[in-house]
Amino acid sequence: MGLRFMGHIEQENLVELIACDEVEEDFGAKVEREGAPPLAVFRLGDEFFVIDDTCTHGDASLSDGELFSNGEVSCPFHGGTFDVRSGAACKYPCVVPIKTYRTRIINNSVWIDLS
C-alpha cells in the first residue's frame, strides 16, 4: 500500500482512480468506479492509501473525516478512527477493520489492484 510503481504489474486487475494532484496532502477524496465500492483515497506526504469509504460501524463517508498525521482517519459520524495504511480499527466505536487496497502510481495517477 502506498508504494510507487516499480517493475511489471499485471494490469488486468488495476483500476485507475484519480490523478495524484487531485488529492490534497493530509486530506481524503471520495472516488466511485464501476466494479468497486465507494473508495476513499488519502495522501500522506508523497504516499497514497486507498480504503473502503464507508465506515464499518455506521453509514458515514470516511473521505469526509479528519486525517491525522499518524495516518488515522476519523469517522465523521461517531468519531472512531481507522489507520489508512493497515485498515486497523484504532478508536472505539470502530472495532471492525476497514478494507485496504494495494495502490500504484502510474503516470501521475493513483491505481488500485482489485484482485
C-alpha atoms as a PDB file:
ATOM      1  CA  MET A   1       0.000   0.000   0.000  1.00  0.00           C
ATOM      2  CA  GLY A   2       1.181   3.484  -0.762  1.00  0.00           C
ATOM      3  CA  LEU A   3       4.022   2.228  -2.951  1.00  0.00           C
ATOM      4  CA  ARG A   4       5.253   3.846  -6.112  1.00  0.00           C
ATOM      5  CA  PHE A   5       5.098   1.842  -9.351  1.00  0.00           C
ATOM      6  CA  MET A   6       8.214  -0.209  -9.864  1.00  0.00           C
ATOM      7  CA  GLY A   7       8.552  -3.060 -12.339  1.00  0.00           C
ATOM      8  CA  HIS A   8       5.947  -5.138 -14.162  1.00  0.00           C
ATOM      9  CA  ILE A   9       2.341  -5.231 -12.917  1.00  0.00           C
ATOM     10  CA  GLU A  10      -0.477  -7.392 -14.188  1.00  0.00           C
ATOM     11  CA  GLN A  11      -2.756  -4.636 -15.460  1.00  0.00           C
ATOM     12  CA  GLU A  12      -5.936  -6.695 -15.843  1.00  0.00           C
ATOM     13  CA  ASN A  13      -6.937  -6.111 -12.186  1.00  0.00           C
ATOM     14  CA  LEU A  14      -5.843  -2.484 -11.941  1.00  0.00           C
ATOM     15  CA  VAL A  15      -8.354   0.343 -11.847  1.00  0.00           C
ATOM     16  CA  GLU A  16      -7.402   3.990 -12.258  1.00  0.00           C
ATOM     17  CA  LEU A  17      -8.967   6.102  -9.529  1.00  0.00           C
ATOM     18  CA  ILE A  18      -7.781   9.686  -9.521  1.00  0.00           C
ATOM     19  CA  ALA A  19      -4.928  11.964 -10.577  1.00  0.00           C
ATOM     20  CA  CYS A  20      -2.391  12.415  -7.789  1.00  0.00           C
ATOM     21  CA  ASP A  21      -2.714  16.203  -7.872  1.00  0.00           C
ATOM     22  CA  GLU A  22      -6.472  15.923  -7.214  1.00  0.00           C
ATOM     23  CA  VAL A  23      -5.807  14.531  -3.721  1.00  0.00           C
ATOM     24  CA  GLU A  24      -4.718  17.250  -1.319  1.00  0.00           C
ATOM     25  CA  GLU A  25      -1.954  16.353   1.126  1.00  0.00           C
ATOM     26  CA  ASP A  26      -3.363  15.286   4.529  1.00  0.00           C
ATOM     27  CA  PHE A  27      -6.886  15.012   3.108  1.00  0.00           C
ATOM     28  CA  GLY A  28      -9.099  12.379   1.552  1.00  0.00           C
ATOM     29  CA  ALA A  29     -11.045  12.206  -1.693  1.00  0.00           C
ATOM     30  CA  LYS A  30     -14.075  10.029  -2.412  1.00  0.00           C
ATOM     31  CA  VAL A  31     -13.925   8.057  -5.649  1.00  0.00           C
ATOM     32  CA  GLU A  32     -16.610   5.895  -7.214  1.00  0.00           C
ATOM     33  CA  ARG A  33     -15.710   3.485 -10.013  1.00  0.00           C
ATOM     34  CA  GLU A  34     -17.664   0.667 -11.610  1.00  0.00           C
ATOM     35  CA  GLY A  35     -16.763  -2.688 -10.131  1.00  0.00           C
ATOM     36  CA  ALA A  36     -15.714  -1.273  -6.756  1.00  0.00           C
ATOM     37  CA  PRO A  37     -17.465   0.053  -3.649  1.00  0.00           C
ATOM     38  CA  PRO A  38     -17.143   3.775  -2.850  1.00  0.00           C
ATOM     39  CA  LEU A  39     -13.468   4.364  -2.057  1.00  0.00           C
ATOM     40  CA  ALA A  40     -11.519   6.933  -0.058  1.00  0.00           C
ATOM     41  CA  VAL A  41      -8.082   7.976  -1.310  1.00  0.00           C
ATOM     42  CA  PHE A  42      -5.754   9.591   1.220  1.00  0.00           C
ATOM     43  CA  ARG A  43      -2.452  11.369   0.728  1.00  0.00           C
ATOM     44  CA  LEU A  44       0.172  11.390   3.460  1.00  0.00           C
ATOM     45  CA  GLY A  45       3.184  13.249   2.117  1.00  0.00           C
ATOM     46  CA  ASP A  46       4.007  11.571  -1.182  1.00  0.00           C
ATOM     47  CA  GLU A  47       2.242   8.292  -0.317  1.00  0.00           C
ATOM     48  CA  PHE A  48      -1.305   7.383  -1.295  1.00  0.00           C
ATOM     49  CA  PHE A  49      -3.601   4.979   0.524  1.00  0.00           C
ATOM     50  CA  VAL A  50      -6.992   3.639  -0.514  1.00  0.00           C
ATOM     51  CA  ILE A  51      -9.652   2.185   1.778  1.00  0.00           C
ATOM     52  CA  ASP A  52     -13.374   1.487   1.522  1.00  0.00           C
ATOM     53  CA  ASP A  53     -15.098   4.816   2.034  1.00  0.00           C
ATOM     54  CA  THR A  54     -17.990   3.574   4.184  1.00  0.00           C
ATOM     55  CA  CYS A  55     -17.257   3.162   7.893  1.00  0.00           C
ATOM     56  CA  THR A  56     -17.668  -0.380   9.211  1.00  0.00           C
ATOM     57  CA  HIS A  57     -19.509   0.941  12.275  1.00  0.00           C
ATOM     58  CA  GLY A  58     -22.072   3.231  10.630  1.00  0.00           C
ATOM     59  CA  ASP A  59     -23.103   4.687   7.299  1.00  0.00           C
ATOM     60  CA  ALA A  60     -20.560   7.512   7.115  1.00  0.00           C
ATOM     61  CA  SER A  61     -18.104   8.582   4.418  1.00  0.00           C
ATOM     62  CA  LEU A  62     -14.537   8.294   5.719  1.00  0.00           C
ATOM     63  CA  SER A  63     -13.271  10.616   2.987  1.00  0.00           C
ATOM     64  CA  ASP A  64     -15.132  13.361   4.895  1.00  0.00           C
ATOM     65  CA  GLY A  65     -13.266  12.508   8.111  1.00  0.00           C
ATOM     66  CA  GLU A  66     -10.217  14.237   9.540  1.00  0.00           C
ATOM     67  CA  LEU A  67      -6.882  12.688   8.542  1.00  0.00           C
ATOM     68  CA  PHE A  68      -4.318  12.875  11.338  1.00  0.00           C
ATOM     69  CA  SER A  69      -0.538  12.970  10.906  1.00  0.00           C
ATOM     70  CA  ASN A  70      -0.264   9.478  12.453  1.00  0.00           C
ATOM     71  CA  GLY A  71      -2.204   8.029   9.486  1.00  0.00           C
ATOM     72  CA  GLU A  72      -5.532   7.632  11.247  1.00  0.00           C
ATOM     73  CA  VAL A  73      -8.768   8.958   9.781  1.00  0.00           C
ATOM     74  CA  SER A  74     -11.762   9.759  11.973  1.00  0.00           C
ATOM     75  CA  CYS A  75     -15.280   8.706  11.152  1.00  0.00           C
ATOM     76  CA  PRO A  76     -17.337  11.917  10.893  1.00  0.00           C
ATOM     77  CA  PHE A  77     -20.394  10.135  12.329  1.00  0.00           C
ATOM     78  CA  HIS A  78     -19.112   8.544  15.543  1.00  0.00           C
ATOM     79  CA  GLY A  79     -15.520   9.796  15.899  1.00  0.00           C
ATOM     80  CA  GLY A  80     -13.865   6.370  15.862  1.00  0.00           C
ATOM     81  CA  THR A  81     -10.685   6.042  13.812  1.00  0.00           C
ATOM     82  CA  PHE A  82      -9.017   3.717  11.304  1.00  0.00           C
ATOM     83  CA  ASP A  83      -5.401   3.509  10.195  1.00  0.00           C
ATOM     84  CA  VAL A  84      -5.451   4.252   6.444  1.00  0.00           C
ATOM     85  CA  ARG A  85      -2.211   2.284   5.973  1.00  0.00           C
ATOM     86  CA  SER A  86      -3.339  -1.010   7.525  1.00  0.00           C
ATOM     87  CA  GLY A  87      -7.118  -0.682   7.826  1.00  0.00           C
ATOM     88  CA  ALA A  88      -6.961  -1.381  11.567  1.00  0.00           C
ATOM     89  CA  ALA A  89      -9.760  -0.013  13.728  1.00  0.00           C
ATOM     90  CA  CYS A  90      -7.932   2.217  16.225  1.00  0.00           C
ATOM     91  CA  LYS A  91     -10.531   4.035  18.321  1.00  0.00           C
ATOM     92  CA  TYR A  92     -13.902   2.917  19.622  1.00  0.00           C
ATOM     93  CA  PRO A  93     -16.670   2.648  18.494  1.00  0.00           C
ATOM     94  CA  CYS A  94     -14.888   1.356  15.381  1.00  0.00           C
ATOM     95  CA  VAL A  95     -13.844  -2.242  16.047  1.00  0.00           C
ATOM     96  CA  VAL A  96     -14.101  -3.953  12.644  1.00  0.00           C
ATOM     97  CA  PRO A  97     -11.144  -3.140  10.340  1.00  0.00           C
ATOM     98  CA  ILE A  98     -11.733  -1.321   7.058  1.00  0.00           C
ATOM     99  CA  LYS A  99     -10.667  -2.895   3.767  1.00  0.00           C
ATOM    100  CA  THR A 100      -7.491  -1.504   2.221  1.00  0.00           C
ATOM    101  CA  TYR A 101      -6.280  -1.739  -1.373  1.00  0.00           C
ATOM    102  CA  ARG A 102      -2.796  -2.072  -2.828  1.00  0.00           C
ATOM    103  CA  THR A 103      -2.006   1.151  -4.662  1.00  0.00           C
ATOM    104  CA  ARG A 104       0.303   2.013  -7.510  1.00  0.00           C
ATOM    105  CA  ILE A 105       1.227   5.353  -9.015  1.00  0.00           C
ATOM    106  CA  ILE A 106       1.222   5.163 -12.806  1.00  0.00           C
ATOM    107  CA  ASN A 107       1.563   8.276 -14.976  1.00  0.00           C
ATOM    108  CA  ASN A 108       0.780  10.546 -12.004  1.00  0.00           C
ATOM    109  CA  SER A 109      -2.482   8.734 -11.215  1.00  0.00           C
ATOM    110  CA  VAL A 110      -3.482   6.507  -8.297  1.00  0.00           C
ATOM    111  CA  TRP A 111      -4.418   2.971  -9.344  1.00  0.00           C
ATOM    112  CA  ILE A 112      -5.600   0.097  -7.159  1.00  0.00           C
ATOM    113  CA  ASP A 113      -5.417  -3.649  -7.508  1.00  0.00           C
ATOM    114  CA  LEU A 114      -8.926  -5.122  -7.247  1.00  0.00           C
ATOM    115  CA  SER A 115      -7.726  -8.745  -7.126  1.00  0.00           C
END
